[in-house]
Amino acid sequence: MTDRLRFGPGGFPTVAKDGGVLGAINWCKENGLGNMEMEFVHSTWLKEDKAPEVKQAMKKADVRLTAHGSYYINLNAVEEKKREASRNRVLSAAYRTWQAGGHAITFHPAFYLKQESEKVSKVVREQLKMIIKELQDDSVDVKINPETTGKPTQFGTYEEICKIAQDLEQVGICVDFAHLHARTNGKYNTYDEFAQVLETVEKYLGREGLDDMHIHMSGIEYGPKGEKHHLTIEDSDMNMQDLMRAWKDFKIKGCVVSESPIIEQDALLMKKMYENA
């Protein structure tokens, strides 16, 4: 749990790349940002022997740490060998994030592969059970937060993930509001729709779910097939004013991760917009 809604970049701020992860954490502290997400999207690049140093720096800076797991995950893969590889990629990110003092990871969980939502949900739930059992056997206390996805071919509506998270200990949800907007070709961009998402989180995960939100945000370009690519917030049609109002009205806490092309710029912008909402 956290004391407030914290904002931060998804990856190293472009102005602090030379300092590595420690430089990025210090940059966040110096600029009033309270969260940073490590991008393990191609590999778990943080070495085990460096993780304690990151943990110490994070505590000193009062910057919360999350991580984005591999892009190469499909818990609904047809072959068990591929499902096992996907589980191992989730576990790799989770173990290293825990060793570095982080509290949560996220990832895109699965593809439908032309199957019904209920069938895919059952498979994803069983795969997550296996992941959580291994983490708990090793006393690894990191939240596993599957992310809402940006294309209709990808498993990951907020209802699907909330229903799974309700059933499984140590599993939550990462709500990417830009992805929700894109996968529906322009919906989820009004106050009532934003409120509907947060009401669903509370329905399935209780007040605790709203007190420990994991949010991704950016602008986004989309079409009938969903997400095309991320944009800066100012270059997009995201209704940020109503989104900020919904976040305030529901008194959410947790972290907001900027996935904009200029990650630190939009992290700072969102923080300012939220404070002024």
Protein backbone atom coordinates (compact mmCIF):
# COMPACT_ATOMS: atom_id res chain seq x y z
CA MET A 1 0.00 0.00 0.00
CA THR A 2 1.06 3.58 -0.51
CA ASP A 3 0.13 6.84 1.11
CA ARG A 4 -0.92 8.63 -2.07
CA LEU A 5 -1.16 8.46 -5.84
CA ARG A 6 2.40 8.52 -7.13
CA PHE A 7 3.53 9.38 -10.65
CA GLY A 8 6.63 8.26 -12.51
CA PRO A 9 8.19 7.10 -15.77
CA GLY A 10 8.02 3.69 -17.41
CA GLY A 11 11.74 3.23 -17.91
CA PHE A 12 14.66 5.58 -17.44
CA PRO A 13 13.91 9.28 -18.00
CA THR A 14 15.47 10.30 -21.31
CA VAL A 15 17.42 13.03 -19.50
CA ALA A 16 18.90 10.55 -17.00
CA LYS A 17 19.80 7.51 -19.11
CA ASP A 18 23.54 7.80 -18.54
CA GLY A 19 23.12 7.21 -14.82
CA GLY A 20 21.45 3.83 -15.21
CA VAL A 21 18.77 2.68 -12.80
CA LEU A 22 20.31 4.46 -9.80
CA GLY A 23 20.56 7.72 -11.71
CA ALA A 24 16.96 7.34 -12.84
CA ILE A 25 15.75 6.80 -9.26
CA ASN A 26 17.64 9.87 -8.07
CA TRP A 27 16.28 11.94 -10.97
CA CYS A 28 12.73 10.95 -9.98
CA LYS A 29 13.36 12.02 -6.39
CA GLU A 30 14.90 15.34 -7.42
CA ASN A 31 11.92 16.10 -9.66
CA GLY A 32 9.18 15.14 -7.23
CA LEU A 33 8.17 11.84 -8.84
CA GLY A 34 7.38 8.96 -6.52
CA ASN A 35 7.43 5.87 -8.73
CA MET A 36 9.53 4.32 -11.47
CA GLU A 37 8.91 1.23 -13.58
CA MET A 38 11.79 -0.94 -14.76
CA GLU A 39 11.28 -2.16 -18.31
CA PHE A 40 12.09 -5.87 -18.46
CA VAL A 41 10.29 -6.09 -21.80
CA HIS A 42 13.11 -7.78 -23.72
CA SER A 43 15.03 -9.31 -20.83
CA THR A 44 15.41 -9.13 -17.06
CA TRP A 45 18.46 -6.91 -17.43
CA LEU A 46 19.01 -6.08 -13.76
CA LYS A 47 21.69 -8.41 -12.37
CA GLU A 48 20.96 -10.19 -9.10
CA ASP A 49 24.05 -8.78 -7.38
CA LYS A 50 22.98 -5.21 -8.25
CA ALA A 51 19.42 -5.57 -6.95
CA PRO A 52 20.24 -4.81 -3.26
CA GLU A 53 21.87 -1.54 -4.34
CA VAL A 54 18.70 -0.58 -6.19
CA LYS A 55 16.62 -1.49 -3.15
CA GLN A 56 18.70 0.74 -0.92
CA ALA A 57 18.54 3.66 -3.36
CA MET A 58 14.80 3.28 -3.76
CA LYS A 59 14.20 3.39 0.01
CA LYS A 60 16.49 6.38 0.46
CA ALA A 61 14.75 8.28 -2.35
CA ASP A 62 11.21 7.23 -1.31
CA VAL A 63 10.57 6.09 -4.88
CA ARG A 64 8.36 3.03 -5.34
CA LEU A 65 9.49 0.49 -7.88
CA THR A 66 7.43 -1.56 -10.31
CA ALA A 67 8.44 -3.55 -13.39
CA HIS A 68 7.02 -4.39 -16.80
CA GLY A 69 7.64 -8.01 -17.69
CA SER A 70 8.53 -9.52 -21.03
CA TYR A 71 6.65 -8.78 -24.25
CA TYR A 72 7.06 -12.47 -25.09
CA ILE A 73 4.34 -13.86 -22.84
CA ASN A 74 1.24 -15.80 -23.84
CA LEU A 75 -0.22 -17.79 -20.98
CA ASN A 76 -2.78 -19.17 -23.44
CA ALA A 77 -0.19 -20.60 -25.82
CA VAL A 78 -1.25 -23.90 -27.41
CA GLU A 79 1.98 -25.73 -26.58
CA GLU A 80 2.77 -26.40 -22.93
CA LYS A 81 6.43 -25.70 -23.65
CA LYS A 82 5.51 -22.13 -24.65
CA ARG A 83 3.25 -21.70 -21.62
CA GLU A 84 6.12 -22.81 -19.40
CA ALA A 85 8.44 -20.31 -21.08
CA SER A 86 5.85 -17.58 -20.48
CA ARG A 87 5.53 -18.52 -16.80
CA ASN A 88 9.30 -18.43 -16.44
CA ARG A 89 9.44 -14.94 -17.94
CA VAL A 90 6.85 -13.73 -15.43
CA LEU A 91 8.77 -15.37 -12.61
CA SER A 92 12.08 -13.88 -13.75
CA ALA A 93 10.66 -10.35 -13.59
CA ALA A 94 8.94 -11.04 -10.27
CA TYR A 95 12.02 -12.42 -8.52
CA ARG A 96 14.28 -9.60 -9.64
CA THR A 97 11.71 -6.93 -8.80
CA TRP A 98 11.33 -8.39 -5.31
CA GLN A 99 15.10 -8.50 -4.82
CA ALA A 100 15.25 -4.83 -5.84
CA GLY A 101 12.58 -3.85 -3.32
CA GLY A 102 9.81 -3.45 -5.88
CA HIS A 103 6.20 -4.19 -5.04
CA ALA A 104 4.53 -5.19 -8.34
CA ILE A 105 5.05 -6.34 -11.91
CA THR A 106 2.79 -6.19 -14.93
CA PHE A 107 2.70 -7.84 -18.36
CA HIS A 108 0.36 -8.52 -21.27
CA PRO A 109 -1.10 -11.89 -20.25
CA ALA A 110 -2.35 -13.71 -23.34
CA PHE A 111 -3.95 -13.84 -26.78
CA TYR A 112 -7.42 -15.23 -27.43
CA LEU A 113 -6.28 -17.30 -30.45
CA LYS A 114 -9.91 -17.17 -31.66
CA GLN A 115 -11.16 -18.78 -28.43
CA GLU A 116 -13.99 -17.59 -26.17
CA SER A 117 -13.15 -15.30 -23.27
CA GLU A 118 -14.36 -17.79 -20.66
CA LYS A 119 -12.10 -20.55 -21.97
CA VAL A 120 -9.05 -18.28 -22.11
CA SER A 121 -9.80 -16.91 -18.64
CA LYS A 122 -9.75 -20.43 -17.24
CA VAL A 123 -6.37 -21.16 -18.81
CA VAL A 124 -4.84 -17.86 -17.68
CA ARG A 125 -6.16 -18.38 -14.15
CA GLU A 126 -4.54 -21.82 -13.95
CA GLN A 127 -1.22 -20.50 -15.26
CA LEU A 128 -1.24 -17.66 -12.71
CA LYS A 129 -1.98 -20.15 -9.93
CA MET A 130 1.19 -22.01 -10.84
CA ILE A 131 3.19 -18.77 -10.87
CA ILE A 132 1.83 -17.63 -7.50
CA LYS A 133 2.47 -21.01 -5.89
CA GLU A 134 6.13 -20.87 -6.88
CA LEU A 135 6.49 -17.31 -5.60
CA GLN A 136 4.79 -18.13 -2.31
CA ASP A 137 6.90 -21.25 -1.84
CA ASP A 138 9.92 -18.92 -1.95
CA SER A 139 8.23 -16.20 0.17
CA VAL A 140 8.38 -13.69 -2.70
CA ASP A 141 5.87 -10.97 -1.91
CA VAL A 142 5.37 -9.15 -5.22
CA LYS A 143 1.98 -8.37 -6.74
CA ILE A 144 1.33 -9.93 -10.15
CA ASN A 145 -0.82 -7.45 -12.08
CA PRO A 146 -1.83 -8.52 -15.60
CA GLU A 147 -2.36 -5.44 -17.77
CA THR A 148 -5.44 -4.41 -19.72
CA THR A 149 -4.45 -4.73 -23.36
CA GLY A 150 -4.83 -2.47 -26.38
CA LYS A 151 -6.08 -4.79 -29.14
CA PRO A 152 -9.26 -6.90 -29.37
CA THR A 153 -7.13 -9.95 -30.29
CA GLN A 154 -5.38 -9.73 -26.91
CA PHE A 155 -6.88 -11.17 -23.75
CA GLY A 156 -7.20 -8.40 -21.17
CA THR A 157 -10.39 -6.42 -20.66
CA TYR A 158 -10.64 -4.91 -17.20
CA GLU A 159 -13.56 -7.21 -16.36
CA GLU A 160 -11.62 -10.33 -17.37
CA ILE A 161 -8.61 -9.43 -15.27
CA CYS A 162 -10.65 -8.25 -12.25
CA LYS A 163 -12.55 -11.54 -12.15
CA ILE A 164 -9.31 -13.53 -12.13
CA ALA A 165 -7.69 -11.24 -9.55
CA GLN A 166 -10.68 -11.67 -7.23
CA ASP A 167 -10.03 -15.40 -7.12
CA LEU A 168 -6.25 -15.41 -6.70
CA GLU A 169 -4.14 -14.21 -3.80
CA GLN A 170 -1.27 -11.89 -4.78
CA VAL A 171 -2.84 -11.11 -8.17
CA GLY A 172 -4.18 -7.66 -9.05
CA ILE A 173 -4.71 -5.58 -12.17
CA CYS A 174 -2.75 -2.97 -14.08
CA VAL A 175 -5.28 -0.64 -15.71
CA ASP A 176 -3.96 0.98 -18.88
CA PHE A 177 -6.64 3.58 -19.61
CA ALA A 178 -5.11 4.35 -23.01
CA HIS A 179 -5.35 0.66 -23.93
CA LEU A 180 -9.02 0.56 -22.94
CA HIS A 181 -9.62 3.59 -25.15
CA ALA A 182 -7.75 2.02 -28.08
CA ARG A 183 -9.13 -1.53 -27.97
CA THR A 184 -12.68 -0.12 -28.19
CA ASN A 185 -11.76 2.27 -31.04
CA GLY A 186 -12.43 5.44 -29.06
CA LYS A 187 -14.67 4.49 -26.15
CA TYR A 188 -13.63 4.75 -22.48
CA ASN A 189 -12.95 8.46 -22.72
CA THR A 190 -15.71 9.98 -20.58
CA TYR A 191 -16.07 10.51 -16.85
CA ASP A 192 -18.84 7.90 -16.60
CA GLU A 193 -16.74 5.30 -18.41
CA PHE A 194 -13.69 6.01 -16.25
CA ALA A 195 -15.89 5.72 -13.17
CA GLN A 196 -17.27 2.41 -14.48
CA VAL A 197 -13.75 0.98 -14.61
CA LEU A 198 -12.96 2.10 -11.04
CA GLU A 199 -16.33 0.83 -9.78
CA THR A 200 -15.53 -2.57 -11.30
CA VAL A 201 -12.12 -2.64 -9.60
CA GLU A 202 -13.80 -1.90 -6.28
CA LYS A 203 -16.55 -4.47 -6.92
CA TYR A 204 -14.07 -7.31 -7.41
CA LEU A 205 -11.05 -6.20 -5.37
CA GLY A 206 -12.65 -4.03 -2.70
CA ARG A 207 -11.41 -0.73 -1.38
CA GLU A 208 -7.96 -2.33 -1.19
CA GLY A 209 -7.94 -2.47 -4.99
CA LEU A 210 -8.49 1.30 -5.23
CA ASP A 211 -5.87 1.93 -2.54
CA ASP A 212 -3.17 0.08 -4.49
CA MET A 213 -3.84 0.92 -8.13
CA HIS A 214 -1.27 0.13 -10.80
CA ILE A 215 -2.01 2.41 -13.76
CA HIS A 216 -0.38 2.90 -17.15
CA MET A 217 -1.06 6.09 -19.11
CA SER A 218 -0.03 7.72 -22.36
CA GLY A 219 -1.65 9.21 -25.38
CA ILE A 220 -2.49 6.64 -28.02
CA GLU A 221 -3.24 6.33 -31.71
CA TYR A 222 -5.78 3.67 -32.58
CA GLY A 223 -8.09 2.31 -35.25
CA PRO A 224 -10.65 -0.46 -35.77
CA LYS A 225 -8.00 -3.06 -34.81
CA GLY A 226 -7.10 -1.20 -31.62
CA GLU A 227 -3.75 0.21 -30.54
CA LYS A 228 -1.31 1.46 -33.16
CA HIS A 229 1.29 3.31 -31.09
CA HIS A 230 1.70 5.57 -28.08
CA LEU A 231 1.60 9.36 -28.31
CA THR A 232 2.33 12.15 -25.90
CA ILE A 233 -0.75 13.11 -23.95
CA GLU A 234 -0.94 16.53 -25.61
CA ASP A 235 -0.91 14.92 -29.08
CA SER A 236 -3.78 12.56 -28.25
CA ASP A 237 -7.53 12.73 -27.76
CA MET A 238 -7.44 11.32 -24.21
CA ASN A 239 -9.92 13.17 -21.97
CA MET A 240 -7.44 13.78 -19.18
CA GLN A 241 -9.58 16.34 -17.34
CA ASP A 242 -12.37 13.84 -16.68
CA LEU A 243 -9.89 11.03 -15.97
CA MET A 244 -8.18 13.09 -13.29
CA ARG A 245 -11.55 14.03 -11.82
CA ALA A 246 -12.52 10.35 -11.60
CA TRP A 247 -9.23 9.46 -9.90
CA LYS A 248 -9.82 12.21 -7.34
CA ASP A 249 -13.47 11.38 -6.75
CA PHE A 250 -12.64 7.71 -6.09
CA LYS A 251 -9.69 8.76 -3.89
CA ILE A 252 -7.41 6.20 -5.51
CA LYS A 253 -3.85 5.55 -4.35
CA GLY A 254 -0.96 3.63 -5.89
CA CYS A 255 1.14 4.45 -8.94
CA VAL A 256 0.63 5.99 -12.37
CA VAL A 257 3.30 5.00 -14.89
CA SER A 258 3.88 7.23 -17.91
CA GLU A 259 4.39 5.25 -21.13
CA SER A 260 4.47 8.30 -23.37
CA PRO A 261 7.23 8.72 -25.99
CA ILE A 262 8.70 11.29 -23.59
CA ILE A 263 8.08 9.44 -20.37
CA GLU A 264 9.30 11.98 -17.83
CA GLN A 265 7.53 14.89 -19.53
CA ASP A 266 4.12 13.26 -19.29
CA ALA A 267 4.76 11.88 -15.79
CA LEU A 268 5.36 15.45 -14.61
CA LEU A 269 2.41 16.73 -16.65
CA MET A 270 0.01 14.17 -15.18
CA LYS A 271 1.19 14.92 -11.66
CA LYS A 272 0.52 18.62 -12.23
CA MET A 273 -2.88 17.95 -13.83
CA TYR A 274 -3.90 15.71 -10.94
CA GLU A 275 -2.82 18.23 -8.31
CA ASN A 276 -4.80 20.95 -10.11
CA ALA A 277 -7.92 18.84 -10.77
